[in-house]
C-alpha atoms as a PDB file:
ATOM      1  CA  MET A   1      10.489 -51.986  49.946  1.00  0.00           C
ATOM      2  CA  HIS A   2      13.536 -50.515  48.593  1.00  0.00           C
ATOM      3  CA  TYR A   3      15.345 -52.193  45.555  1.00  0.00           C
ATOM      4  CA  ARG A   4      18.770 -52.410  44.482  1.00  0.00           C
ATOM      5  CA  LEU A   5      19.783 -53.162  40.774  1.00  0.00           C
ATOM      6  CA  HIS A   6      22.608 -55.529  40.715  1.00  0.00           C
ATOM      7  CA  MET A   7      25.016 -54.982  37.444  1.00  0.00           C
ATOM      8  CA  GLY A   8      28.055 -56.327  36.024  1.00  0.00           C
ATOM      9  CA  GLY A   9      29.862 -59.410  36.745  1.00  0.00           C
ATOM     10  CA  ARG A  10      27.588 -60.287  39.940  1.00  0.00           C
ATOM     11  CA  GLY A  11      23.794 -60.614  39.622  1.00  0.00           C
ATOM     12  CA  ASN A  12      21.828 -60.794  36.903  1.00  0.00           C
ATOM     13  CA  GLY A  13      20.743 -57.210  36.067  1.00  0.00           C
ATOM     14  CA  THR A  14      17.337 -57.650  37.911  1.00  0.00           C
ATOM     15  CA  LEU A  15      15.856 -55.606  40.674  1.00  0.00           C
ATOM     16  CA  LEU A  16      16.159 -57.336  44.109  1.00  0.00           C
ATOM     17  CA  PRO A  17      14.798 -56.136  47.366  1.00  0.00           C
ATOM     18  CA  ARG A  18      17.106 -54.525  49.725  1.00  0.00           C
ATOM     19  CA  LEU A  19      16.935 -56.358  52.864  1.00  0.00           C
ATOM     20  CA  PRO A  20      17.552 -55.399  56.634  1.00  0.00           C
ATOM     21  CA  PRO A  21      20.794 -56.648  58.069  1.00  0.00           C
ATOM     22  CA  TYR A  22      19.260 -57.850  61.308  1.00  0.00           C
ATOM     23  CA  PRO A  23      15.786 -58.656  62.469  1.00  0.00           C
ATOM     24  CA  GLY A  24      13.220 -55.935  63.259  1.00  0.00           C
ATOM     25  CA  GLY A  25      14.212 -54.083  59.968  1.00  0.00           C
ATOM     26  CA  MET A  26      12.055 -54.041  56.867  1.00  0.00           C
ATOM     27  CA  GLU A  27       9.241 -56.026  56.218  1.00  0.00           C
ATOM     28  CA  LEU A  28       9.272 -58.683  53.449  1.00  0.00           C
ATOM     29  CA  GLN A  29       6.206 -57.953  51.839  1.00  0.00           C
ATOM     30  CA  ALA A  30       5.755 -61.090  49.586  1.00  0.00           C
ATOM     31  CA  PRO A  31       6.711 -64.567  49.743  1.00  0.00           C
ATOM     32  CA  GLU A  32       8.848 -64.580  46.825  1.00  0.00           C
ATOM     33  CA  ASP A  33      10.984 -61.788  48.663  1.00  0.00           C
ATOM     34  CA  ILE A  34      12.693 -64.851  50.342  1.00  0.00           C
ATOM     35  CA  ALA A  35      14.007 -66.222  47.186  1.00  0.00           C
ATOM     36  CA  HIS A  36      15.266 -62.775  45.929  1.00  0.00           C
ATOM     37  CA  GLY A  37      16.737 -61.686  49.206  1.00  0.00           C
ATOM     38  CA  PHE A  38      18.509 -65.125  49.189  1.00  0.00           C
ATOM     39  CA  VAL A  39      20.384 -64.564  46.001  1.00  0.00           C
ATOM     40  CA  GLU A  40      20.885 -60.911  46.978  1.00  0.00           C
ATOM     41  CA  ALA A  41      22.416 -62.329  50.401  1.00  0.00           C
ATOM     42  CA  TRP A  42      24.437 -64.711  48.364  1.00  0.00           C
ATOM     43  CA  GLU A  43      25.858 -62.190  46.051  1.00  0.00           C
ATOM     44  CA  ASP A  44      27.009 -59.862  48.895  1.00  0.00           C
ATOM     45  CA  ARG A  45      28.587 -62.907  50.661  1.00  0.00           C
ATOM     46  CA  ASP A  46      26.344 -61.812  53.734  1.00  0.00           C
ATOM     47  CA  PRO A  47      25.373 -64.691  56.265  1.00  0.00           C
ATOM     48  CA  ASP A  48      23.446 -62.403  58.441  1.00  0.00           C
ATOM     49  CA  ALA A  49      21.275 -61.078  55.454  1.00  0.00           C
ATOM     50  CA  LEU A  50      20.557 -64.610  54.688  1.00  0.00           C
ATOM     51  CA  ALA A  51      20.038 -65.821  58.013  1.00  0.00           C
ATOM     52  CA  VAL A  52      17.134 -62.766  58.658  1.00  0.00           C
ATOM     53  CA  LEU A  53      15.249 -64.475  55.905  1.00  0.00           C
ATOM     54  CA  PHE A  54      14.439 -67.435  58.122  1.00  0.00           C
ATOM     55  CA  VAL A  55      12.574 -67.638  61.617  1.00  0.00           C
ATOM     56  CA  GLU A  56      14.723 -68.336  64.730  1.00  0.00           C
ATOM     57  CA  ASP A  57      13.807 -72.015  64.713  1.00  0.00           C
ATOM     58  CA  ALA A  58      13.709 -72.784  61.015  1.00  0.00           C
ATOM     59  CA  ASP A  59      14.764 -75.492  59.143  1.00  0.00           C
ATOM     60  CA  PHE A  60      17.116 -75.946  56.201  1.00  0.00           C
ATOM     61  CA  VAL A  61      18.319 -79.002  54.148  1.00  0.00           C
ATOM     62  CA  ASN A  62      21.395 -78.337  51.727  1.00  0.00           C
ATOM     63  CA  VAL A  63      21.780 -80.162  48.158  1.00  0.00           C
ATOM     64  CA  VAL A  64      23.494 -82.971  50.102  1.00  0.00           C
ATOM     65  CA  GLY A  65      20.852 -83.418  52.677  1.00  0.00           C
ATOM     66  CA  LEU A  66      22.580 -81.729  55.727  1.00  0.00           C
ATOM     67  CA  TRP A  67      19.994 -80.577  57.919  1.00  0.00           C
ATOM     68  CA  TRP A  68      20.537 -77.260  60.020  1.00  0.00           C
ATOM     69  CA  GLU A  69      17.785 -76.875  62.405  1.00  0.00           C
ATOM     70  CA  ASP A  70      17.797 -73.007  63.500  1.00  0.00           C
ATOM     71  CA  GLN A  71      18.745 -69.544  62.090  1.00  0.00           C
ATOM     72  CA  LYS A  72      22.040 -69.687  63.901  1.00  0.00           C
ATOM     73  CA  ASN A  73      23.255 -72.840  62.155  1.00  0.00           C
ATOM     74  CA  ILE A  74      21.707 -72.003  58.775  1.00  0.00           C
ATOM     75  CA  ARG A  75      23.878 -68.497  59.258  1.00  0.00           C
ATOM     76  CA  ARG A  76      27.063 -70.400  60.343  1.00  0.00           C
ATOM     77  CA  ALA A  77      26.694 -73.034  57.305  1.00  0.00           C
ATOM     78  CA  HIS A  78      26.520 -70.276  54.930  1.00  0.00           C
ATOM     79  CA  ALA A  79      29.044 -68.172  56.390  1.00  0.00           C
ATOM     80  CA  ARG A  80      31.487 -71.150  55.843  1.00  0.00           C
ATOM     81  CA  GLY A  81      30.316 -71.739  52.672  1.00  0.00           C
ATOM     82  CA  PHE A  82      31.005 -68.056  51.403  1.00  0.00           C
ATOM     83  CA  ARG A  83      34.658 -68.474  53.136  1.00  0.00           C
ATOM     84  CA  VAL A  84      35.581 -71.772  51.871  1.00  0.00           C
ATOM     85  CA  MET A  85      33.732 -72.780  48.393  1.00  0.00           C
ATOM     86  CA  PHE A  86      31.417 -69.774  47.055  1.00  0.00           C
ATOM     87  CA  GLY A  87      33.500 -67.028  47.894  1.00  0.00           C
ATOM     88  CA  SER A  88      33.321 -65.585  44.151  1.00  0.00           C
ATOM     89  CA  SER A  89      30.084 -67.448  43.162  1.00  0.00           C
ATOM     90  CA  THR A  90      27.397 -65.937  41.449  1.00  0.00           C
ATOM     91  CA  MET A  91      23.619 -67.011  41.582  1.00  0.00           C
ATOM     92  CA  ARG A  92      20.743 -65.958  39.680  1.00  0.00           C
ATOM     93  CA  LEU A  93      17.281 -66.999  39.799  1.00  0.00           C
ATOM     94  CA  GLU A  94      15.444 -68.225  36.414  1.00  0.00           C
ATOM     95  CA  ARG A  95      11.775 -68.761  38.006  1.00  0.00           C
ATOM     96  CA  ILE A  96       9.700 -68.304  40.657  1.00  0.00           C
ATOM     97  CA  LYS A  97       6.352 -69.915  41.602  1.00  0.00           C
ATOM     98  CA  VAL A  98       4.215 -69.234  44.673  1.00  0.00           C
ATOM     99  CA  ARG A  99       1.496 -71.169  45.923  1.00  0.00           C
ATOM    100  CA  ARG A 100      -0.458 -69.866  48.607  1.00  0.00           C
ATOM    101  CA  LEU A 101      -2.157 -72.136  51.110  1.00  0.00           C
ATOM    102  CA  SER A 102      -3.656 -69.364  53.296  1.00  0.00           C
ATOM    103  CA  VAL A 103      -3.241 -65.562  53.679  1.00  0.00           C
ATOM    104  CA  THR A 104      -0.184 -66.273  55.991  1.00  0.00           C
ATOM    105  CA  ILE A 105       1.388 -69.387  54.571  1.00  0.00           C
ATOM    106  CA  ALA A 106       3.187 -70.166  51.039  1.00  0.00           C
ATOM    107  CA  VAL A 107       5.136 -72.245  49.360  1.00  0.00           C
ATOM    108  CA  VAL A 108       7.766 -70.759  46.908  1.00  0.00           C
ATOM    109  CA  HIS A 109       9.705 -72.722  44.448  1.00  0.00           C
ATOM    110  CA  ALA A 110      12.610 -70.886  42.756  1.00  0.00           C
ATOM    111  CA  SER A 111      15.244 -72.476  40.008  1.00  0.00           C
ATOM    112  CA  TRP A 112      18.506 -71.088  40.320  1.00  0.00           C
ATOM    113  CA  ARG A 113      21.779 -71.245  38.252  1.00  0.00           C
ATOM    114  CA  MET A 114      25.149 -70.876  39.935  1.00  0.00           C
ATOM    115  CA  SER A 115      28.636 -70.400  38.801  1.00  0.00           C
ATOM    116  CA  GLY A 116      31.979 -69.792  40.418  1.00  0.00           C
ATOM    117  CA  GLN A 117      32.434 -72.480  42.773  1.00  0.00           C
ATOM    118  CA  PHE A 118      35.914 -73.895  43.827  1.00  0.00           C
ATOM    119  CA  ASP A 119      36.697 -77.309  44.748  1.00  0.00           C
ATOM    120  CA  PRO A 120      38.815 -78.222  47.839  1.00  0.00           C
ATOM    121  CA  ASP A 121      42.054 -77.809  45.936  1.00  0.00           C
ATOM    122  CA  GLY A 122      41.025 -74.071  44.920  1.00  0.00           C
ATOM    123  CA  VAL A 123      40.079 -75.147  41.076  1.00  0.00           C
ATOM    124  CA  ARG A 124      37.096 -73.382  39.780  1.00  0.00           C
ATOM    125  CA  VAL A 125      34.428 -76.032  38.943  1.00  0.00           C
ATOM    126  CA  GLY A 126      31.559 -76.350  36.598  1.00  0.00           C
ATOM    127  CA  ASP A 127      28.170 -74.339  37.193  1.00  0.00           C
ATOM    128  CA  ARG A 128      25.395 -75.824  38.784  1.00  0.00           C
ATOM    129  CA  ALA A 129      21.658 -75.686  38.799  1.00  0.00           C
ATOM    130  CA  GLY A 130      18.876 -76.292  41.103  1.00  0.00           C
ATOM    131  CA  VAL A 131      15.644 -75.442  42.997  1.00  0.00           C
ATOM    132  CA  PHE A 132      14.830 -73.969  46.247  1.00  0.00           C
ATOM    133  CA  THR A 133      11.621 -74.804  48.038  1.00  0.00           C
ATOM    134  CA  PHE A 134      10.763 -72.323  51.038  1.00  0.00           C
ATOM    135  CA  VAL A 135       7.791 -72.788  53.014  1.00  0.00           C
ATOM    136  CA  ALA A 136       7.105 -69.279  54.082  1.00  0.00           C
ATOM    137  CA  GLU A 137       5.038 -67.902  57.126  1.00  0.00           C
ATOM    138  CA  ARG A 138       3.655 -63.948  57.098  1.00  0.00           C
ATOM    139  CA  ARG A 139       4.615 -62.927  60.811  1.00  0.00           C
ATOM    140  CA  GLY A 140       3.491 -59.630  62.111  1.00  0.00           C
ATOM    141  CA  ASP A 141       5.719 -56.584  61.355  1.00  0.00           C
ATOM    142  CA  VAL A 142       8.694 -58.560  59.679  1.00  0.00           C
ATOM    143  CA  GLY A 143       6.444 -59.745  56.928  1.00  0.00           C
ATOM    144  CA  TRP A 144       7.278 -62.960  55.244  1.00  0.00           C
ATOM    145  CA  ARG A 145       9.854 -65.304  56.619  1.00  0.00           C
ATOM    146  CA  ALA A 146      10.932 -68.703  55.826  1.00  0.00           C
ATOM    147  CA  VAL A 147      10.044 -71.476  58.320  1.00  0.00           C
ATOM    148  CA  SER A 148      11.717 -74.054  56.152  1.00  0.00           C
ATOM    149  CA  ALA A 149      13.680 -74.477  53.031  1.00  0.00           C
ATOM    150  CA  GLN A 150      15.405 -77.498  50.741  1.00  0.00           C
ATOM    151  CA  ASN A 151      17.775 -76.740  48.397  1.00  0.00           C
ATOM    152  CA  THR A 152      18.311 -79.340  45.505  1.00  0.00           C
ATOM    153  CA  ASP A 153      20.688 -79.697  42.623  1.00  0.00           C
ATOM    154  CA  ARG A 154      19.085 -79.992  39.384  1.00  0.00           C
ATOM    155  CA  LEU A 155      21.428 -82.331  36.907  1.00  0.00           C
ATOM    156  CA  ASP A 156      20.142 -82.083  33.168  1.00  0.00           C
ATOM    157  CA  GLY A 157      19.007 -85.171  31.709  1.00  0.00           C
ATOM    158  CA  ALA A 158      19.124 -87.237  35.064  1.00  0.00           C
ATOM    159  CA  GLU A 159      15.750 -88.793  36.232  1.00  0.00           C
ATOM    160  CA  THR A 160      17.273 -90.101  39.599  1.00  0.00           C
ATOM    161  CA  LEU A 161      20.734 -91.279  41.359  1.00  0.00           C
ATOM    162  CA  VAL A 162      21.592 -94.752  41.237  1.00  0.00           C
ATOM    163  CA  ALA A 163      23.661 -95.759  44.269  1.00  0.00           C
ATOM    164  CA  GLY A 164      26.721 -98.124  43.835  1.00  0.00           C
ATOM    165  CA  ASP A 165      30.151 -98.552  45.218  1.00  0.00           C
ATOM    166  CA  GLY A 166      29.799 -95.673  47.860  1.00  0.00           C
ATOM    167  CA  SER A 167      28.701 -92.971  45.216  1.00  0.00           C
ATOM    168  CA  LEU A 168      25.339 -91.704  43.425  1.00  0.00           C
ATOM    169  CA  THR A 169      25.361 -91.682  39.801  1.00  0.00           C
ATOM    170  CA  PRO A 170      22.693 -89.472  37.686  1.00  0.00           C
ATOM    171  CA  THR A 171      20.775 -91.714  35.783  1.00  0.00           C
ATOM    172  CA  SER A 172      18.175 -91.393  32.898  1.00  0.00           C
ATOM    173  CA  TYR A 173      15.654 -94.271  32.239  1.00  0.00           C
ATOM    174  CA  VAL A 174      14.989 -92.640  28.774  1.00  0.00           C
ATOM    175  CA  HIS A 175      17.040 -93.976  25.743  1.00  0.00           C
END
């Protein structure tokens, strides 16, 4: 696997795998390469590199529950995100945990932090944090790919969300 060092205002100064731009390229050698590759594709604003991390019929559920049911729609949704709200955002991984379920199946959890998102009026908003969950499968000559992913926002101090008046409010039951 080739690596590239992210430096400066983008990236977090860590070595990340350099991924192929299209299927049939370099093998992803470990399940955690999916999480590293996601961040690299995010930093490069490259929806093609992001989509190649997923199998053709993959599922992706985003932080608000939108569910994209194939690689094409995962690519399209992230391309729009890079154009509309995440064009100058940065993302970094804080922790990765891999649980291998078999020789060819693994679950990858990766906590992340992001800054630089813009609201619909073009105003920069606050930083966010969350957790990715990838279900990964090792497939022949392409190595590991995500068959499913869930992205969840993490709200410091919140234990759950409470519904009321058409909105959800982060809530803690600890006083």
